[in-house]
N, C-alpha and C. Protein backbone atom coordinates (compact mmCIF):
# COMPACT_ATOMS: atom_id res chain seq x y z
N UNK A 1 27.64 5.18 -33.97
CA UNK A 1 26.37 5.40 -33.22
C UNK A 1 26.42 6.78 -32.57
N UNK A 2 25.35 7.53 -32.73
CA UNK A 2 25.25 8.86 -32.09
C UNK A 2 25.06 8.73 -30.59
N UNK A 3 25.58 9.65 -29.79
CA UNK A 3 25.34 9.54 -28.39
C UNK A 3 23.89 9.76 -28.04
N UNK A 4 23.44 9.05 -27.02
CA UNK A 4 22.04 9.18 -26.57
C UNK A 4 21.94 10.40 -25.64
N UNK A 5 20.96 11.17 -25.88
CA UNK A 5 20.91 12.47 -25.18
C UNK A 5 19.64 12.62 -24.31
N UNK A 6 18.78 11.62 -24.35
CA UNK A 6 17.57 11.71 -23.49
C UNK A 6 17.38 10.43 -22.71
N UNK A 7 16.64 10.56 -21.62
CA UNK A 7 16.36 9.43 -20.77
C UNK A 7 15.63 8.35 -21.62
N UNK A 8 14.66 8.72 -22.40
CA UNK A 8 13.85 7.78 -23.22
C UNK A 8 14.76 7.02 -24.20
N UNK A 9 15.76 7.73 -24.84
CA UNK A 9 16.64 7.04 -25.75
C UNK A 9 17.48 5.99 -24.99
N UNK A 10 18.01 6.29 -23.86
CA UNK A 10 18.75 5.34 -23.06
C UNK A 10 17.87 4.16 -22.60
N UNK A 11 16.68 4.39 -22.13
CA UNK A 11 15.80 3.34 -21.76
C UNK A 11 15.45 2.45 -22.93
N UNK A 12 15.21 3.01 -24.10
CA UNK A 12 14.89 2.23 -25.25
C UNK A 12 16.04 1.33 -25.65
N UNK A 13 17.27 1.89 -25.62
CA UNK A 13 18.45 1.08 -26.00
C UNK A 13 18.71 0.00 -24.91
N UNK A 14 18.56 0.32 -23.66
CA UNK A 14 18.78 -0.72 -22.59
C UNK A 14 17.72 -1.82 -22.80
N UNK A 15 16.47 -1.50 -23.09
CA UNK A 15 15.52 -2.58 -23.31
C UNK A 15 15.90 -3.50 -24.51
N UNK A 16 16.43 -2.87 -25.55
CA UNK A 16 16.96 -3.69 -26.70
C UNK A 16 18.09 -4.58 -26.21
N UNK A 17 18.88 -4.12 -25.22
CA UNK A 17 19.99 -4.89 -24.73
C UNK A 17 19.52 -5.94 -23.64
N UNK A 18 18.26 -6.01 -23.43
CA UNK A 18 17.78 -7.08 -22.50
C UNK A 18 17.40 -6.59 -21.12
N UNK A 19 17.47 -5.31 -20.86
CA UNK A 19 17.16 -4.74 -19.50
C UNK A 19 15.64 -4.46 -19.50
N UNK A 20 14.86 -5.45 -19.19
CA UNK A 20 13.41 -5.34 -19.45
C UNK A 20 12.61 -5.19 -18.08
N UNK A 21 13.22 -5.43 -16.99
CA UNK A 21 12.49 -5.27 -15.72
C UNK A 21 12.49 -3.80 -15.29
N UNK A 22 11.37 -3.31 -14.80
CA UNK A 22 11.32 -1.98 -14.28
C UNK A 22 11.44 -2.03 -12.78
N UNK A 23 12.65 -1.70 -12.25
CA UNK A 23 12.90 -1.76 -10.83
C UNK A 23 12.28 -0.59 -10.03
N UNK A 24 11.66 0.35 -10.76
CA UNK A 24 10.96 1.43 -10.08
C UNK A 24 9.64 1.04 -9.55
N UNK A 25 9.14 -0.14 -9.92
CA UNK A 25 7.79 -0.59 -9.53
C UNK A 25 7.83 -1.40 -8.27
N UNK A 26 8.13 -0.72 -7.16
CA UNK A 26 8.15 -1.35 -5.83
C UNK A 26 8.94 -2.68 -5.78
N UNK A 27 10.02 -2.76 -6.49
CA UNK A 27 10.79 -3.95 -6.47
C UNK A 27 11.62 -4.05 -5.20
N UNK A 28 11.65 -5.24 -4.67
CA UNK A 28 12.54 -5.42 -3.49
C UNK A 28 13.53 -6.54 -3.98
N UNK A 29 14.76 -6.14 -3.93
CA UNK A 29 15.83 -7.04 -4.41
C UNK A 29 16.89 -7.16 -3.35
N UNK A 30 17.55 -8.36 -3.34
CA UNK A 30 18.65 -8.61 -2.48
C UNK A 30 19.90 -7.99 -3.03
N UNK A 31 20.45 -6.93 -2.46
CA UNK A 31 21.61 -6.20 -3.10
C UNK A 31 22.82 -7.09 -3.32
N UNK A 32 22.91 -8.21 -2.59
CA UNK A 32 24.07 -9.08 -2.79
C UNK A 32 24.00 -9.81 -4.10
N UNK A 33 22.84 -9.86 -4.71
CA UNK A 33 22.66 -10.61 -5.96
C UNK A 33 22.58 -9.71 -7.18
N UNK A 34 22.68 -8.38 -7.07
CA UNK A 34 22.59 -7.50 -8.17
C UNK A 34 23.75 -6.54 -8.22
N UNK A 35 24.11 -6.05 -9.43
CA UNK A 35 25.10 -5.09 -9.64
C UNK A 35 24.55 -3.97 -10.58
N UNK A 36 25.16 -2.78 -10.50
CA UNK A 36 24.90 -1.72 -11.46
C UNK A 36 25.88 -1.94 -12.62
N UNK A 37 25.43 -2.29 -13.76
CA UNK A 37 26.27 -2.46 -14.94
C UNK A 37 26.72 -1.14 -15.53
N UNK A 38 25.77 -0.22 -15.67
CA UNK A 38 26.07 1.07 -16.22
C UNK A 38 25.14 2.14 -15.60
N UNK A 39 25.50 3.34 -15.69
CA UNK A 39 24.57 4.41 -15.29
C UNK A 39 24.75 5.64 -16.19
N UNK A 40 23.70 6.37 -16.40
CA UNK A 40 23.66 7.49 -17.30
C UNK A 40 23.10 8.65 -16.53
N UNK A 41 23.78 9.73 -16.49
CA UNK A 41 23.30 10.90 -15.73
C UNK A 41 22.86 12.01 -16.73
N UNK A 42 21.69 12.57 -16.48
CA UNK A 42 21.16 13.61 -17.28
C UNK A 42 20.96 14.87 -16.43
N UNK A 43 21.52 15.98 -16.89
CA UNK A 43 21.39 17.23 -16.19
C UNK A 43 20.40 18.11 -16.90
N UNK A 44 19.48 18.69 -16.19
CA UNK A 44 18.49 19.58 -16.76
C UNK A 44 19.16 20.97 -17.03
N UNK A 45 19.43 21.24 -18.27
CA UNK A 45 20.05 22.47 -18.63
C UNK A 45 19.23 23.69 -18.24
N UNK A 46 17.95 23.58 -18.37
CA UNK A 46 17.06 24.74 -18.03
C UNK A 46 16.03 24.41 -16.95
N UNK A 47 15.81 23.14 -16.62
CA UNK A 47 14.83 22.74 -15.67
C UNK A 47 15.33 21.59 -14.77
N UNK A 48 15.50 21.94 -13.48
CA UNK A 48 16.01 20.86 -12.54
C UNK A 48 15.12 19.65 -12.52
N UNK A 49 13.82 19.72 -12.94
CA UNK A 49 13.01 18.53 -12.94
C UNK A 49 13.46 17.53 -14.00
N UNK A 50 14.35 17.99 -14.92
CA UNK A 50 14.85 17.09 -15.98
C UNK A 50 16.06 16.28 -15.53
N UNK A 51 16.55 16.49 -14.33
CA UNK A 51 17.70 15.82 -13.82
C UNK A 51 17.39 14.46 -13.41
N UNK A 52 18.12 13.47 -13.96
CA UNK A 52 17.79 12.06 -13.64
C UNK A 52 19.04 11.20 -13.89
N UNK A 53 19.03 10.01 -13.22
CA UNK A 53 20.04 9.04 -13.43
C UNK A 53 19.32 7.74 -13.83
N UNK A 54 19.81 7.09 -14.94
CA UNK A 54 19.28 5.81 -15.37
C UNK A 54 20.33 4.79 -15.02
N UNK A 55 19.87 3.71 -14.28
CA UNK A 55 20.75 2.66 -13.92
C UNK A 55 20.35 1.37 -14.63
N UNK A 56 21.36 0.69 -15.23
CA UNK A 56 21.16 -0.67 -15.77
C UNK A 56 21.68 -1.62 -14.77
N UNK A 57 20.75 -2.46 -14.22
CA UNK A 57 21.04 -3.40 -13.14
C UNK A 57 20.86 -4.82 -13.61
N UNK A 58 21.79 -5.66 -13.16
CA UNK A 58 21.62 -7.10 -13.44
C UNK A 58 21.93 -7.99 -12.27
N UNK A 59 21.42 -9.20 -12.30
CA UNK A 59 21.61 -10.14 -11.25
C UNK A 59 22.91 -10.95 -11.48
N UNK A 60 23.62 -11.19 -10.38
CA UNK A 60 24.83 -12.02 -10.50
C UNK A 60 24.47 -13.50 -10.54
N UNK A 61 23.34 -13.83 -9.95
CA UNK A 61 22.94 -15.29 -9.78
C UNK A 61 21.73 -15.69 -10.62
N UNK A 62 21.01 -14.74 -11.22
CA UNK A 62 19.79 -15.03 -11.96
C UNK A 62 19.89 -14.34 -13.30
N UNK A 63 19.10 -14.81 -14.21
CA UNK A 63 19.07 -14.23 -15.53
C UNK A 63 18.07 -13.04 -15.57
N UNK A 64 18.41 -11.96 -14.77
CA UNK A 64 17.55 -10.83 -14.67
C UNK A 64 18.29 -9.55 -14.97
N UNK A 65 17.68 -8.69 -15.83
CA UNK A 65 18.24 -7.40 -16.13
C UNK A 65 17.14 -6.39 -16.11
N UNK A 66 17.42 -5.20 -15.50
CA UNK A 66 16.39 -4.21 -15.47
C UNK A 66 16.98 -2.81 -15.34
N UNK A 67 15.99 -1.86 -15.24
CA UNK A 67 16.28 -0.43 -15.26
C UNK A 67 15.75 0.21 -13.97
N UNK A 68 16.47 1.10 -13.43
CA UNK A 68 15.99 1.96 -12.33
C UNK A 68 16.29 3.43 -12.74
N UNK A 69 15.22 4.23 -12.74
CA UNK A 69 15.40 5.68 -13.02
C UNK A 69 15.15 6.42 -11.72
N UNK A 70 16.04 7.31 -11.37
CA UNK A 70 15.91 8.10 -10.20
C UNK A 70 16.31 9.56 -10.51
N UNK A 71 15.63 10.51 -9.91
CA UNK A 71 16.07 11.87 -9.97
C UNK A 71 17.31 12.05 -9.06
N UNK A 72 17.86 13.21 -9.05
CA UNK A 72 18.88 13.45 -8.04
C UNK A 72 18.74 14.86 -7.47
N UNK A 73 19.38 15.04 -6.31
CA UNK A 73 19.15 16.25 -5.65
C UNK A 73 17.82 16.21 -4.96
N UNK A 74 17.10 17.30 -4.96
CA UNK A 74 15.82 17.33 -4.26
C UNK A 74 14.78 16.51 -4.94
N UNK A 75 15.02 16.03 -6.15
CA UNK A 75 14.03 15.21 -6.92
C UNK A 75 14.32 13.70 -6.77
N UNK A 76 15.25 13.33 -5.93
CA UNK A 76 15.57 11.94 -5.82
C UNK A 76 14.57 11.20 -4.95
N UNK A 77 14.36 9.93 -5.23
CA UNK A 77 13.48 9.05 -4.43
C UNK A 77 14.30 8.39 -3.32
N UNK A 78 13.98 8.64 -2.06
CA UNK A 78 14.78 8.06 -1.00
C UNK A 78 14.88 6.56 -1.03
N UNK A 79 13.86 5.85 -1.41
CA UNK A 79 13.89 4.39 -1.50
C UNK A 79 14.87 3.98 -2.60
N UNK A 80 14.80 4.59 -3.76
CA UNK A 80 15.71 4.28 -4.88
C UNK A 80 17.15 4.64 -4.44
N UNK A 81 17.31 5.77 -3.73
CA UNK A 81 18.64 6.11 -3.25
C UNK A 81 19.28 5.03 -2.42
N UNK A 82 18.48 4.48 -1.48
CA UNK A 82 18.99 3.47 -0.62
C UNK A 82 19.29 2.13 -1.38
N UNK A 83 18.45 1.85 -2.38
CA UNK A 83 18.65 0.63 -3.20
C UNK A 83 20.03 0.77 -3.95
N UNK A 84 20.21 1.88 -4.60
CA UNK A 84 21.45 2.13 -5.34
C UNK A 84 22.68 2.08 -4.43
N UNK A 85 22.56 2.71 -3.26
CA UNK A 85 23.76 2.72 -2.30
C UNK A 85 24.11 1.31 -1.89
N UNK A 86 23.15 0.41 -1.86
CA UNK A 86 23.48 -0.97 -1.35
C UNK A 86 24.03 -1.83 -2.50
N UNK A 87 23.90 -1.37 -3.77
CA UNK A 87 24.38 -2.21 -4.88
C UNK A 87 25.86 -1.86 -5.19
N UNK A 88 26.53 -2.82 -5.77
CA UNK A 88 27.90 -2.61 -6.24
C UNK A 88 27.90 -2.28 -7.67
N UNK A 89 28.91 -1.50 -8.10
CA UNK A 89 29.17 -1.21 -9.48
C UNK A 89 29.89 -2.41 -10.03
N UNK A 90 29.50 -2.81 -11.24
CA UNK A 90 30.22 -3.91 -11.90
C UNK A 90 31.67 -3.45 -12.21
N UNK A 91 32.59 -4.30 -11.90
CA UNK A 91 33.93 -4.00 -12.18
C UNK A 91 34.27 -4.35 -13.61
N UNK A 92 34.90 -3.52 -14.30
CA UNK A 92 35.21 -3.75 -15.69
C UNK A 92 36.57 -4.34 -15.85
C-alpha cells in the first residue's frame, strides 16, 4: 500500500475503516469514554494553511468511531485543541 499523502486520502481510508462520525461538527464527548487510536500530521510545504492533524477517535464503551481534523499552530481550533488534550492515546 502506498503511503497516504493528503488529508482527504487519510479521511477516505479512515471512513473505510469505520470512522464515520465527524467530531468537528460541534460534538460534545466525554473524554473518559474515548481514545485517540491514530493521528496523522500534515505539514504545509509551501502554505501554512495546509498544516493539519487528522485524529482517528473511538469510544471505549460504545460502538463509535470518528474523525477530528484540526489545524495546528495559528490555524488550530481552540475547542478541538481542548478536546484532544483531554483524550488519551490508545496504548499499543
